[in-house]
């Protein structure tokens, strides 16, 4: 049976880290925590699970996750955020693959977000397919901060695993609104760095399309009140991102 490393990046995650580690303890042969100098009980709780705890200065989500990837001991790596956990079905799927010595180079799975205490099953947030388990020689984190994703070598065999990564995202609507402001600034700066531009048309149309697509075409309305709140917040995030990018363009 091949071994599996689980790598997690953290910063002041005492509210989440035990749930995450409890879900991976039976599938992980190594648990590696790369921490950005937490000031709460994150380290204390991680060490209770026998995790290797390394402190490393945060330079960005992509950079931190790639650094963590290189510190792992085993060929296959599962990378999670501290506010994520494995569903029982996904745990069984991973154990089955371990018993088969990992028949694939990489594995894709759905991510299901818990919003204000409710799991969201429709809209732009589900199924949020992620490739978080793979041979570390053939993959790395890329795309654009803060929404990093795994980039695999061309021709990599990817297998779907039943089960969900459970993402415990926002505990309140206030928290969502505050993070929209933070993430829109990070996204706008990353777009500017890549030479991307926006205009009045995108400022007007893209937020409206984000809402219509998520709430109507992707059936976000089936998630009730929170489905509507999420669709509106995604639209607002899109609006803020393009407004901030437009302002940065003018200053540049």
C-alpha atoms as a PDB file:
ATOM      1  CA  UNK A   1       0.000   0.000   0.000  1.00  0.00           C
ATOM      2  CA  UNK A   2       1.413   3.380  -1.026  1.00  0.00           C
ATOM      3  CA  UNK A   3       1.729   6.128   1.554  1.00  0.00           C
ATOM      4  CA  UNK A   4      -0.084   9.474   1.479  1.00  0.00           C
ATOM      5  CA  UNK A   5       0.996  12.875   2.760  1.00  0.00           C
ATOM      6  CA  UNK A   6      -1.617  15.434   3.772  1.00  0.00           C
ATOM      7  CA  UNK A   7      -0.458  19.060   3.658  1.00  0.00           C
ATOM      8  CA  UNK A   8      -2.393  21.981   5.152  1.00  0.00           C
ATOM      9  CA  UNK A   9      -1.542  25.689   5.276  1.00  0.00           C
ATOM     10  CA  UNK A  10      -2.712  27.599   8.337  1.00  0.00           C
ATOM     11  CA  UNK A  11      -2.931  30.978  10.038  1.00  0.00           C
ATOM     12  CA  UNK A  12      -4.874  31.241  13.312  1.00  0.00           C
ATOM     13  CA  UNK A  13      -7.097  28.243  12.541  1.00  0.00           C
ATOM     14  CA  UNK A  14      -7.890  26.980  16.050  1.00  0.00           C
ATOM     15  CA  UNK A  15     -11.618  26.971  15.207  1.00  0.00           C
ATOM     16  CA  UNK A  16     -11.146  24.707  12.170  1.00  0.00           C
ATOM     17  CA  UNK A  17      -7.953  22.677  12.442  1.00  0.00           C
ATOM     18  CA  UNK A  18      -9.220  19.869  14.728  1.00  0.00           C
ATOM     19  CA  UNK A  19     -12.154  19.098  12.415  1.00  0.00           C
ATOM     20  CA  UNK A  20      -9.821  18.990   9.410  1.00  0.00           C
ATOM     21  CA  UNK A  21      -7.224  16.781  11.102  1.00  0.00           C
ATOM     22  CA  UNK A  22      -9.827  14.462  12.569  1.00  0.00           C
ATOM     23  CA  UNK A  23     -11.111  13.776   9.031  1.00  0.00           C
ATOM     24  CA  UNK A  24      -7.676  12.909   7.588  1.00  0.00           C
ATOM     25  CA  UNK A  25      -6.101  11.005  10.485  1.00  0.00           C
ATOM     26  CA  UNK A  26      -7.112   7.592   9.079  1.00  0.00           C
ATOM     27  CA  UNK A  27      -5.939   8.235   5.511  1.00  0.00           C
ATOM     28  CA  UNK A  28      -2.700  10.147   6.167  1.00  0.00           C
ATOM     29  CA  UNK A  29       0.697   8.542   6.687  1.00  0.00           C
ATOM     30  CA  UNK A  30       2.103  12.042   7.187  1.00  0.00           C
ATOM     31  CA  UNK A  31       0.329  15.240   8.227  1.00  0.00           C
ATOM     32  CA  UNK A  32       2.293  18.390   7.435  1.00  0.00           C
ATOM     33  CA  UNK A  33       1.166  21.815   8.663  1.00  0.00           C
ATOM     34  CA  UNK A  34       2.792  24.891   7.109  1.00  0.00           C
ATOM     35  CA  UNK A  35       1.833  27.795   9.346  1.00  0.00           C
ATOM     36  CA  UNK A  36       2.196  31.554   8.835  1.00  0.00           C
ATOM     37  CA  UNK A  37       3.112  32.269  12.479  1.00  0.00           C
ATOM     38  CA  UNK A  38      -0.258  31.768  14.158  1.00  0.00           C
ATOM     39  CA  UNK A  39      -0.834  33.480  17.497  1.00  0.00           C
ATOM     40  CA  UNK A  40      -3.687  31.235  18.656  1.00  0.00           C
ATOM     41  CA  UNK A  41      -3.798  27.503  19.594  1.00  0.00           C
ATOM     42  CA  UNK A  42      -3.288  26.200  16.030  1.00  0.00           C
ATOM     43  CA  UNK A  43       0.138  24.706  16.783  1.00  0.00           C
ATOM     44  CA  UNK A  44      -0.963  23.128  20.058  1.00  0.00           C
ATOM     45  CA  UNK A  45      -3.963  21.445  18.448  1.00  0.00           C
ATOM     46  CA  UNK A  46      -1.985  20.282  15.390  1.00  0.00           C
ATOM     47  CA  UNK A  47       0.691  18.629  17.519  1.00  0.00           C
ATOM     48  CA  UNK A  48      -2.001  16.655  19.363  1.00  0.00           C
ATOM     49  CA  UNK A  49      -2.619  14.822  16.068  1.00  0.00           C
ATOM     50  CA  UNK A  50       1.073  14.092  15.557  1.00  0.00           C
ATOM     51  CA  UNK A  51       1.412  16.584  12.723  1.00  0.00           C
ATOM     52  CA  UNK A  52       4.741  17.974  11.565  1.00  0.00           C
ATOM     53  CA  UNK A  53       4.457  21.724  12.175  1.00  0.00           C
ATOM     54  CA  UNK A  54       6.611  24.143  10.147  1.00  0.00           C
ATOM     55  CA  UNK A  55       6.433  27.934  10.287  1.00  0.00           C
ATOM     56  CA  UNK A  56       6.983  29.749   7.000  1.00  0.00           C
ATOM     57  CA  UNK A  57       6.384  33.350   6.021  1.00  0.00           C
ATOM     58  CA  UNK A  58       3.256  33.775   3.888  1.00  0.00           C
ATOM     59  CA  UNK A  59       3.962  35.102   0.394  1.00  0.00           C
ATOM     60  CA  UNK A  60       0.630  34.239  -1.233  1.00  0.00           C
ATOM     61  CA  UNK A  61      -1.726  31.253  -1.385  1.00  0.00           C
ATOM     62  CA  UNK A  62      -0.079  29.778  -4.489  1.00  0.00           C
ATOM     63  CA  UNK A  63       3.435  30.273  -3.188  1.00  0.00           C
ATOM     64  CA  UNK A  64       2.644  28.874   0.264  1.00  0.00           C
ATOM     65  CA  UNK A  65       0.921  25.766  -1.079  1.00  0.00           C
ATOM     66  CA  UNK A  66       3.744  25.030  -3.529  1.00  0.00           C
ATOM     67  CA  UNK A  67       6.283  25.407  -0.724  1.00  0.00           C
ATOM     68  CA  UNK A  68       4.256  23.029   1.455  1.00  0.00           C
ATOM     69  CA  UNK A  69       4.050  20.534  -1.410  1.00  0.00           C
ATOM     70  CA  UNK A  70       7.831  20.350  -1.624  1.00  0.00           C
ATOM     71  CA  UNK A  71       8.187  19.638   2.108  1.00  0.00           C
ATOM     72  CA  UNK A  72       6.082  16.462   2.047  1.00  0.00           C
ATOM     73  CA  UNK A  73       7.714  13.059   2.415  1.00  0.00           C
ATOM     74  CA  UNK A  74       5.579  10.859   0.134  1.00  0.00           C
ATOM     75  CA  UNK A  75       4.907  10.615  -3.603  1.00  0.00           C
ATOM     76  CA  UNK A  76       1.152  11.180  -3.321  1.00  0.00           C
ATOM     77  CA  UNK A  77      -0.098  14.322  -1.600  1.00  0.00           C
ATOM     78  CA  UNK A  78      -3.531  15.539  -0.548  1.00  0.00           C
ATOM     79  CA  UNK A  79      -3.614  19.307  -0.019  1.00  0.00           C
ATOM     80  CA  UNK A  80      -6.363  20.890   2.039  1.00  0.00           C
ATOM     81  CA  UNK A  81      -7.171  24.215   3.655  1.00  0.00           C
ATOM     82  CA  UNK A  82      -7.774  24.220   7.395  1.00  0.00           C
ATOM     83  CA  UNK A  83     -11.466  25.032   6.902  1.00  0.00           C
ATOM     84  CA  UNK A  84     -11.924  21.897   4.803  1.00  0.00           C
ATOM     85  CA  UNK A  85     -12.595  18.305   5.868  1.00  0.00           C
ATOM     86  CA  UNK A  86     -13.207  14.965   4.146  1.00  0.00           C
ATOM     87  CA  UNK A  87     -16.713  13.511   4.043  1.00  0.00           C
ATOM     88  CA  UNK A  88     -17.069   9.870   5.231  1.00  0.00           C
ATOM     89  CA  UNK A  89     -17.671   8.784   1.622  1.00  0.00           C
ATOM     90  CA  UNK A  90     -14.521  10.541   0.421  1.00  0.00           C
ATOM     91  CA  UNK A  91     -12.505   8.938   3.225  1.00  0.00           C
ATOM     92  CA  UNK A  92     -13.669   5.506   2.036  1.00  0.00           C
ATOM     93  CA  UNK A  93     -12.804   6.399  -1.581  1.00  0.00           C
ATOM     94  CA  UNK A  94      -9.267   7.470  -0.670  1.00  0.00           C
ATOM     95  CA  UNK A  95      -8.658   4.380   1.476  1.00  0.00           C
ATOM     96  CA  UNK A  96      -9.790   2.180  -1.405  1.00  0.00           C
ATOM     97  CA  UNK A  97      -7.330   3.904  -3.757  1.00  0.00           C
ATOM     98  CA  UNK A  98      -4.539   3.483  -1.219  1.00  0.00           C
ATOM     99  CA  UNK A  99      -5.269  -0.235  -1.051  1.00  0.00           C
ATOM    100  CA  UNK A 100      -4.954  -0.328  -4.865  1.00  0.00           C
ATOM    101  CA  UNK A 101      -1.631   1.554  -4.682  1.00  0.00           C
ATOM    102  CA  UNK A 102      -3.219   4.598  -6.334  1.00  0.00           C
ATOM    103  CA  UNK A 103      -4.243   3.471  -9.806  1.00  0.00           C
ATOM    104  CA  UNK A 104      -4.284   7.052 -11.133  1.00  0.00           C
ATOM    105  CA  UNK A 105      -1.823   9.964 -11.216  1.00  0.00           C
ATOM    106  CA  UNK A 106      -4.345  12.476  -9.864  1.00  0.00           C
ATOM    107  CA  UNK A 107      -7.827  12.536  -8.370  1.00  0.00           C
ATOM    108  CA  UNK A 108     -10.704  14.978  -8.746  1.00  0.00           C
ATOM    109  CA  UNK A 109     -13.452  15.343  -6.159  1.00  0.00           C
ATOM    110  CA  UNK A 110     -16.372  17.669  -5.473  1.00  0.00           C
ATOM    111  CA  UNK A 111     -16.208  20.367  -2.826  1.00  0.00           C
ATOM    112  CA  UNK A 112     -19.395  21.178  -0.916  1.00  0.00           C
ATOM    113  CA  UNK A 113     -19.521  24.486   0.959  1.00  0.00           C
ATOM    114  CA  UNK A 114     -21.179  24.987   4.327  1.00  0.00           C
ATOM    115  CA  UNK A 115     -22.582  28.523   4.433  1.00  0.00           C
ATOM    116  CA  UNK A 116     -23.949  29.858   7.738  1.00  0.00           C
ATOM    117  CA  UNK A 117     -24.561  26.276   8.884  1.00  0.00           C
ATOM    118  CA  UNK A 118     -26.140  24.955   5.661  1.00  0.00           C
ATOM    119  CA  UNK A 119     -24.471  22.878   2.934  1.00  0.00           C
ATOM    120  CA  UNK A 120     -24.994  24.458  -0.487  1.00  0.00           C
ATOM    121  CA  UNK A 121     -25.817  21.949  -3.243  1.00  0.00           C
ATOM    122  CA  UNK A 122     -26.514  24.224  -6.237  1.00  0.00           C
ATOM    123  CA  UNK A 123     -25.381  27.439  -7.898  1.00  0.00           C
ATOM    124  CA  UNK A 124     -21.797  28.344  -8.743  1.00  0.00           C
ATOM    125  CA  UNK A 125     -20.475  26.687  -5.588  1.00  0.00           C
ATOM    126  CA  UNK A 126     -21.489  23.079  -6.306  1.00  0.00           C
ATOM    127  CA  UNK A 127     -20.201  20.817  -7.631  1.00  0.00           C
ATOM    128  CA  UNK A 128     -16.979  22.767  -7.118  1.00  0.00           C
ATOM    129  CA  UNK A 129     -14.625  20.183  -8.636  1.00  0.00           C
ATOM    130  CA  UNK A 130     -11.112  20.150  -7.219  1.00  0.00           C
ATOM    131  CA  UNK A 131      -7.985  18.130  -7.988  1.00  0.00           C
ATOM    132  CA  UNK A 132      -6.338  18.085  -4.569  1.00  0.00           C
ATOM    133  CA  UNK A 133      -4.804  14.596  -4.518  1.00  0.00           C
ATOM    134  CA  UNK A 134      -1.990  13.858  -6.976  1.00  0.00           C
ATOM    135  CA  UNK A 135       1.615  12.799  -7.505  1.00  0.00           C
ATOM    136  CA  UNK A 136       3.642  15.797  -6.466  1.00  0.00           C
ATOM    137  CA  UNK A 137       6.040  15.332  -9.380  1.00  0.00           C
ATOM    138  CA  UNK A 138       3.327  16.036 -11.944  1.00  0.00           C
ATOM    139  CA  UNK A 139       1.402  18.911 -10.356  1.00  0.00           C
ATOM    140  CA  UNK A 140       1.784  22.311  -8.750  1.00  0.00           C
ATOM    141  CA  UNK A 141      -0.408  25.165  -7.604  1.00  0.00           C
ATOM    142  CA  UNK A 142      -1.035  27.972 -10.070  1.00  0.00           C
ATOM    143  CA  UNK A 143      -3.741  30.179 -11.602  1.00  0.00           C
ATOM    144  CA  UNK A 144      -4.374  33.431  -9.703  1.00  0.00           C
ATOM    145  CA  UNK A 145      -4.360  34.463  -6.045  1.00  0.00           C
ATOM    146  CA  UNK A 146      -6.423  34.113  -3.918  1.00  0.00           C
ATOM    147  CA  UNK A 147      -8.134  31.340  -5.931  1.00  0.00           C
ATOM    148  CA  UNK A 148      -5.272  28.917  -6.408  1.00  0.00           C
ATOM    149  CA  UNK A 149      -5.796  25.657  -8.289  1.00  0.00           C
ATOM    150  CA  UNK A 150      -3.670  22.646  -9.176  1.00  0.00           C
ATOM    151  CA  UNK A 151      -2.034  22.657 -12.612  1.00  0.00           C
ATOM    152  CA  UNK A 152      -1.179  19.154 -13.862  1.00  0.00           C
ATOM    153  CA  UNK A 153       1.210  18.083 -16.580  1.00  0.00           C
ATOM    154  CA  UNK A 154      -0.422  17.491 -19.956  1.00  0.00           C
ATOM    155  CA  UNK A 155      -1.586  13.908 -20.392  1.00  0.00           C
ATOM    156  CA  UNK A 156      -2.012  13.255 -16.660  1.00  0.00           C
ATOM    157  CA  UNK A 157      -4.563  10.557 -15.864  1.00  0.00           C
ATOM    158  CA  UNK A 158      -7.225  12.029 -13.560  1.00  0.00           C
ATOM    159  CA  UNK A 159      -9.827   9.869 -11.796  1.00  0.00           C
ATOM    160  CA  UNK A 160     -13.002  11.081 -10.095  1.00  0.00           C
ATOM    161  CA  UNK A 161     -13.457  10.082  -6.453  1.00  0.00           C
ATOM    162  CA  UNK A 162     -16.962   9.791  -4.922  1.00  0.00           C
ATOM    163  CA  UNK A 163     -17.489  11.941  -1.857  1.00  0.00           C
ATOM    164  CA  UNK A 164     -17.021  15.612  -0.989  1.00  0.00           C
ATOM    165  CA  UNK A 165     -14.448  17.920   0.459  1.00  0.00           C
ATOM    166  CA  UNK A 166     -16.556  19.728   3.042  1.00  0.00           C
ATOM    167  CA  UNK A 167     -15.713  23.433   3.018  1.00  0.00           C
ATOM    168  CA  UNK A 168     -16.754  25.353   6.138  1.00  0.00           C
ATOM    169  CA  UNK A 169     -16.529  28.808   4.625  1.00  0.00           C
ATOM    170  CA  UNK A 170     -18.607  31.601   6.140  1.00  0.00           C
ATOM    171  CA  UNK A 171     -20.226  31.660   9.555  1.00  0.00           C
ATOM    172  CA  UNK A 172     -22.175  34.840   8.835  1.00  0.00           C
ATOM    173  CA  UNK A 173     -23.228  37.119   5.990  1.00  0.00           C
ATOM    174  CA  UNK A 174     -21.118  39.894   7.558  1.00  0.00           C
ATOM    175  CA  UNK A 175     -18.028  37.700   7.235  1.00  0.00           C
ATOM    176  CA  UNK A 176     -18.814  37.046   3.564  1.00  0.00           C
ATOM    177  CA  UNK A 177     -19.190  40.760   2.814  1.00  0.00           C
ATOM    178  CA  UNK A 178     -15.902  41.608   4.543  1.00  0.00           C
ATOM    179  CA  UNK A 179     -13.996  38.909   2.650  1.00  0.00           C
ATOM    180  CA  UNK A 180     -15.532  40.077  -0.641  1.00  0.00           C
ATOM    181  CA  UNK A 181     -13.732  43.356  -0.128  1.00  0.00           C
ATOM    182  CA  UNK A 182     -10.433  41.621   0.660  1.00  0.00           C
ATOM    183  CA  UNK A 183     -10.587  39.038  -2.134  1.00  0.00           C
ATOM    184  CA  UNK A 184     -11.694  41.548  -4.771  1.00  0.00           C
ATOM    185  CA  UNK A 185      -8.591  43.637  -4.093  1.00  0.00           C
ATOM    186  CA  UNK A 186      -6.309  40.578  -4.284  1.00  0.00           C
ATOM    187  CA  UNK A 187      -7.977  39.406  -7.516  1.00  0.00           C
ATOM    188  CA  UNK A 188      -7.799  42.851  -9.138  1.00  0.00           C
ATOM    189  CA  UNK A 189      -4.104  43.172  -8.297  1.00  0.00           C
ATOM    190  CA  UNK A 190      -3.396  39.699  -9.724  1.00  0.00           C
ATOM    191  CA  UNK A 191      -5.287  40.532 -12.927  1.00  0.00           C
ATOM    192  CA  UNK A 192      -3.359  43.774 -13.322  1.00  0.00           C
ATOM    193  CA  UNK A 193      -0.066  41.935 -12.831  1.00  0.00           C
ATOM    194  CA  UNK A 194      -1.039  39.531 -15.621  1.00  0.00           C
ATOM    195  CA  UNK A 195      -1.807  42.407 -17.968  1.00  0.00           C
ATOM    196  CA  UNK A 196      -5.581  41.955 -17.876  1.00  0.00           C
ATOM    197  CA  UNK A 197      -7.864  44.951 -18.335  1.00  0.00           C
ATOM    198  CA  UNK A 198     -11.478  45.801 -17.697  1.00  0.00           C
ATOM    199  CA  UNK A 199     -13.902  48.424 -18.989  1.00  0.00           C
ATOM    200  CA  UNK A 200     -17.338  49.920 -18.388  1.00  0.00           C
ATOM    201  CA  UNK A 201     -19.038  47.101 -20.291  1.00  0.00           C
ATOM    202  CA  UNK A 202     -17.526  44.445 -18.006  1.00  0.00           C
ATOM    203  CA  UNK A 203     -18.311  46.503 -14.903  1.00  0.00           C
ATOM    204  CA  UNK A 204     -21.967  46.644 -15.942  1.00  0.00           C
ATOM    205  CA  UNK A 205     -22.506  43.209 -17.504  1.00  0.00           C
ATOM    206  CA  UNK A 206     -20.231  40.740 -15.686  1.00  0.00           C
ATOM    207  CA  UNK A 207     -21.826  41.150 -12.221  1.00  0.00           C
ATOM    208  CA  UNK A 208     -25.324  40.780 -13.706  1.00  0.00           C
ATOM    209  CA  UNK A 209     -24.304  37.637 -15.589  1.00  0.00           C
ATOM    210  CA  UNK A 210     -22.693  36.176 -12.451  1.00  0.00           C
ATOM    211  CA  UNK A 211     -26.009  36.497 -10.616  1.00  0.00           C
ATOM    212  CA  UNK A 212     -28.207  35.194 -13.443  1.00  0.00           C
ATOM    213  CA  UNK A 213     -25.888  32.273 -14.136  1.00  0.00           C
ATOM    214  CA  UNK A 214     -25.571  31.198 -10.500  1.00  0.00           C
ATOM    215  CA  UNK A 215     -29.112  31.823  -9.322  1.00  0.00           C
ATOM    216  CA  UNK A 216     -31.137  30.742 -12.362  1.00  0.00           C
ATOM    217  CA  UNK A 217     -29.071  28.632 -14.793  1.00  0.00           C
ATOM    218  CA  UNK A 218     -27.131  26.800 -12.066  1.00  0.00           C
ATOM    219  CA  UNK A 219     -30.272  26.472  -9.891  1.00  0.00           C
ATOM    220  CA  UNK A 220     -29.019  28.499  -6.938  1.00  0.00           C
ATOM    221  CA  UNK A 221     -32.627  29.294  -6.049  1.00  0.00           C
ATOM    222  CA  UNK A 222     -33.034  25.681  -4.878  1.00  0.00           C
ATOM    223  CA  UNK A 223     -30.842  26.533  -1.876  1.00  0.00           C
ATOM    224  CA  UNK A 224     -33.483  28.975  -0.637  1.00  0.00           C
ATOM    225  CA  UNK A 225     -32.583  32.187   1.157  1.00  0.00           C
ATOM    226  CA  UNK A 226     -28.857  31.467   1.332  1.00  0.00           C
ATOM    227  CA  UNK A 227     -28.833  30.538  -2.354  1.00  0.00           C
ATOM    228  CA  UNK A 228     -30.028  34.061  -3.122  1.00  0.00           C
ATOM    229  CA  UNK A 229     -27.563  35.663  -0.693  1.00  0.00           C
ATOM    230  CA  UNK A 230     -24.646  33.753  -2.231  1.00  0.00           C
ATOM    231  CA  UNK A 231     -25.647  34.663  -5.796  1.00  0.00           C
ATOM    232  CA  UNK A 232     -25.875  38.346  -4.827  1.00  0.00           C
ATOM    233  CA  UNK A 233     -22.516  38.225  -3.065  1.00  0.00           C
ATOM    234  CA  UNK A 234     -20.834  36.565  -6.048  1.00  0.00           C
ATOM    235  CA  UNK A 235     -22.264  39.326  -8.222  1.00  0.00           C
ATOM    236  CA  UNK A 236     -21.001  41.947  -5.769  1.00  0.00           C
ATOM    237  CA  UNK A 237     -17.539  40.358  -5.666  1.00  0.00           C
ATOM    238  CA  UNK A 238     -17.415  40.479  -9.469  1.00  0.00           C
ATOM    239  CA  UNK A 239     -18.477  44.146  -9.412  1.00  0.00           C
ATOM    240  CA  UNK A 240     -15.837  45.091  -6.819  1.00  0.00           C
ATOM    241  CA  UNK A 241     -13.095  43.206  -8.660  1.00  0.00           C
ATOM    242  CA  UNK A 242     -13.728  45.022 -11.940  1.00  0.00           C
ATOM    243  CA  UNK A 243     -14.163  48.417 -10.255  1.00  0.00           C
ATOM    244  CA  UNK A 244     -10.865  48.059  -8.401  1.00  0.00           C
ATOM    245  CA  UNK A 245      -9.085  46.816 -11.518  1.00  0.00           C
ATOM    246  CA  UNK A 246     -10.471  49.786 -13.461  1.00  0.00           C
ATOM    247  CA  UNK A 247      -9.175  52.167 -10.797  1.00  0.00           C
ATOM    248  CA  UNK A 248      -5.748  50.486 -10.810  1.00  0.00           C
ATOM    249  CA  UNK A 249      -5.576  50.799 -14.591  1.00  0.00           C
ATOM    250  CA  UNK A 250      -6.223  54.530 -14.368  1.00  0.00           C
ATOM    251  CA  UNK A 251      -3.557  55.030 -11.723  1.00  0.00           C
ATOM    252  CA  UNK A 252      -1.044  53.018 -13.741  1.00  0.00           C
END
